[in-house]
Amino acid sequence: MVEIDVTNPEAFVKEYAPIAGKALTENGGKYLARGGKNVSIEGEPPKSRTVILAFENLEKAQAAFASPAYKEGRTIGDKYAKFRIWAMEALTN
């Protein structure tokens, strides 16, 4: 899960998003939601951009965000946004 408070949407989408997206998908991430419309049902509204990714497990999620390719992209992203990123285990039956 990623909450992003974007300060420069045009530069963010042009410069950061392609690099980060490639790095995360190449490391096993599958986008479930990415920057679509957010609606607050109750409580504080979501940040300006929200992303939901699925990984095989927590370790793979952590590795993807720690990868050199993602970190390189993040140096660009940090110029245009503030991030809150966390992972959680899926329900298993």
C-alpha atoms as a PDB file:
ATOM      1  CA  MET A   1       0.000   0.000   0.000  1.00  0.00           C
ATOM      2  CA  VAL A   2       1.324   3.407  -0.904  1.00  0.00           C
ATOM      3  CA  GLU A   3      -0.110   6.804   0.001  1.00  0.00           C
ATOM      4  CA  ILE A   4       1.482   9.637  -1.904  1.00  0.00           C
ATOM      5  CA  ASP A   5       1.088  13.361  -1.300  1.00  0.00           C
ATOM      6  CA  VAL A   6       2.099  14.677  -4.720  1.00  0.00           C
ATOM      7  CA  THR A   7       3.317  18.279  -4.945  1.00  0.00           C
ATOM      8  CA  ASN A   8       4.042  18.305  -8.696  1.00  0.00           C
ATOM      9  CA  PRO A   9       1.696  15.848 -10.464  1.00  0.00           C
ATOM     10  CA  GLU A  10       2.986  16.442 -13.998  1.00  0.00           C
ATOM     11  CA  ALA A  11       6.648  15.827 -13.126  1.00  0.00           C
ATOM     12  CA  PHE A  12       5.722  12.958 -10.803  1.00  0.00           C
ATOM     13  CA  VAL A  13       3.847  11.071 -13.537  1.00  0.00           C
ATOM     14  CA  LYS A  14       6.410  11.852 -16.230  1.00  0.00           C
ATOM     15  CA  GLU A  15       9.687  11.358 -14.344  1.00  0.00           C
ATOM     16  CA  TYR A  16       9.060   9.083 -11.365  1.00  0.00           C
ATOM     17  CA  ALA A  17       6.112   6.807 -12.135  1.00  0.00           C
ATOM     18  CA  PRO A  18       7.596   4.977 -15.158  1.00  0.00           C
ATOM     19  CA  ILE A  19      10.856   4.190 -13.349  1.00  0.00           C
ATOM     20  CA  ALA A  20       9.177   3.087 -10.117  1.00  0.00           C
ATOM     21  CA  GLY A  21       6.513   1.109 -11.941  1.00  0.00           C
ATOM     22  CA  LYS A  22       9.076  -0.825 -13.941  1.00  0.00           C
ATOM     23  CA  ALA A  23      11.244  -1.497 -10.888  1.00  0.00           C
ATOM     24  CA  LEU A  24       8.338  -2.816  -8.831  1.00  0.00           C
ATOM     25  CA  THR A  25       6.803  -5.003 -11.549  1.00  0.00           C
ATOM     26  CA  GLU A  26      10.203  -6.436 -12.469  1.00  0.00           C
ATOM     27  CA  ASN A  27      10.540  -7.402  -8.803  1.00  0.00           C
ATOM     28  CA  GLY A  28       7.247  -9.290  -8.687  1.00  0.00           C
ATOM     29  CA  GLY A  29       4.733  -6.531  -7.975  1.00  0.00           C
ATOM     30  CA  LYS A  30       1.309  -6.578  -9.598  1.00  0.00           C
ATOM     31  CA  TYR A  31      -0.667  -3.325  -9.619  1.00  0.00           C
ATOM     32  CA  LEU A  32      -4.221  -3.673  -8.318  1.00  0.00           C
ATOM     33  CA  ALA A  33      -4.929   0.077  -8.181  1.00  0.00           C
ATOM     34  CA  ARG A  34      -2.744   2.951  -9.293  1.00  0.00           C
ATOM     35  CA  GLY A  35      -3.647   6.607  -8.994  1.00  0.00           C
ATOM     36  CA  GLY A  36      -7.358   6.187  -9.652  1.00  0.00           C
ATOM     37  CA  LYS A  37     -10.170   8.123  -8.054  1.00  0.00           C
ATOM     38  CA  ASN A  38     -10.265   7.936  -4.236  1.00  0.00           C
ATOM     39  CA  VAL A  39     -13.456   8.350  -2.225  1.00  0.00           C
ATOM     40  CA  SER A  40     -13.503   8.729   1.541  1.00  0.00           C
ATOM     41  CA  ILE A  41     -16.170   6.546   3.138  1.00  0.00           C
ATOM     42  CA  GLU A  42     -15.356   7.555   6.696  1.00  0.00           C
ATOM     43  CA  GLY A  43     -12.547   9.548   8.318  1.00  0.00           C
ATOM     44  CA  GLU A  44      -9.730  11.475   6.685  1.00  0.00           C
ATOM     45  CA  PRO A  45      -9.714  11.440   2.896  1.00  0.00           C
ATOM     46  CA  PRO A  46      -6.935   9.532   1.140  1.00  0.00           C
ATOM     47  CA  LYS A  47      -3.774  11.292   0.020  1.00  0.00           C
ATOM     48  CA  SER A  48      -3.720  12.733  -3.464  1.00  0.00           C
ATOM     49  CA  ARG A  49      -2.540   9.431  -4.967  1.00  0.00           C
ATOM     50  CA  THR A  50      -2.942   5.879  -3.686  1.00  0.00           C
ATOM     51  CA  VAL A  51      -1.364   2.700  -5.050  1.00  0.00           C
ATOM     52  CA  ILE A  52      -2.137  -0.918  -4.144  1.00  0.00           C
ATOM     53  CA  LEU A  53       0.275  -3.649  -5.201  1.00  0.00           C
ATOM     54  CA  ALA A  54       0.256  -7.393  -4.628  1.00  0.00           C
ATOM     55  CA  PHE A  55       3.402  -9.453  -4.072  1.00  0.00           C
ATOM     56  CA  GLU A  56       3.859 -13.158  -3.474  1.00  0.00           C
ATOM     57  CA  ASN A  57       4.828 -12.472   0.156  1.00  0.00           C
ATOM     58  CA  LEU A  58       6.033  -9.742   2.518  1.00  0.00           C
ATOM     59  CA  GLU A  59       9.674 -10.524   1.886  1.00  0.00           C
ATOM     60  CA  LYS A  60       9.270  -9.964  -1.854  1.00  0.00           C
ATOM     61  CA  ALA A  61       7.456  -6.690  -1.228  1.00  0.00           C
ATOM     62  CA  GLN A  62      10.242  -5.486   1.046  1.00  0.00           C
ATOM     63  CA  ALA A  63      12.886  -6.571  -1.467  1.00  0.00           C
ATOM     64  CA  ALA A  64      11.148  -4.756  -4.330  1.00  0.00           C
ATOM     65  CA  PHE A  65      11.067  -1.438  -2.478  1.00  0.00           C
ATOM     66  CA  ALA A  66      14.679  -1.956  -1.355  1.00  0.00           C
ATOM     67  CA  SER A  67      15.896  -2.767  -4.875  1.00  0.00           C
ATOM     68  CA  PRO A  68      18.526  -0.512  -6.453  1.00  0.00           C
ATOM     69  CA  ALA A  69      16.210   0.226  -9.393  1.00  0.00           C
ATOM     70  CA  TYR A  70      13.386   1.407  -7.115  1.00  0.00           C
ATOM     71  CA  LYS A  71      15.752   3.429  -4.927  1.00  0.00           C
ATOM     72  CA  GLU A  72      17.087   5.164  -8.037  1.00  0.00           C
ATOM     73  CA  GLY A  73      13.581   6.125  -9.069  1.00  0.00           C
ATOM     74  CA  ARG A  74      12.716   7.198  -5.569  1.00  0.00           C
ATOM     75  CA  THR A  75      15.426   9.876  -5.604  1.00  0.00           C
ATOM     76  CA  ILE A  76      13.373  11.455  -8.383  1.00  0.00           C
ATOM     77  CA  GLY A  77      10.033  10.812  -6.675  1.00  0.00           C
ATOM     78  CA  ASP A  78      11.180  12.476  -3.461  1.00  0.00           C
ATOM     79  CA  LYS A  79      11.499  15.770  -5.353  1.00  0.00           C
ATOM     80  CA  TYR A  80       7.790  15.708  -6.204  1.00  0.00           C
ATOM     81  CA  ALA A  81       6.029  13.849  -3.407  1.00  0.00           C
ATOM     82  CA  LYS A  82       5.981  12.537   0.156  1.00  0.00           C
ATOM     83  CA  PHE A  83       5.416   8.808   0.522  1.00  0.00           C
ATOM     84  CA  ARG A  84       3.910   6.476   3.108  1.00  0.00           C
ATOM     85  CA  ILE A  85       4.511   2.840   2.192  1.00  0.00           C
ATOM     86  CA  TRP A  86       3.539  -0.287   4.119  1.00  0.00           C
ATOM     87  CA  ALA A  87       2.886  -3.961   3.499  1.00  0.00           C
ATOM     88  CA  MET A  88       0.528  -6.460   5.065  1.00  0.00           C
ATOM     89  CA  GLU A  89      -0.046 -10.166   4.749  1.00  0.00           C
ATOM     90  CA  ALA A  90      -3.004 -11.382   2.731  1.00  0.00           C
ATOM     91  CA  LEU A  91      -5.688 -13.603   4.167  1.00  0.00           C
ATOM     92  CA  THR A  92      -5.068 -17.284   3.583  1.00  0.00           C
ATOM     93  CA  ASN A  93      -7.737 -19.960   3.512  1.00  0.00           C
END
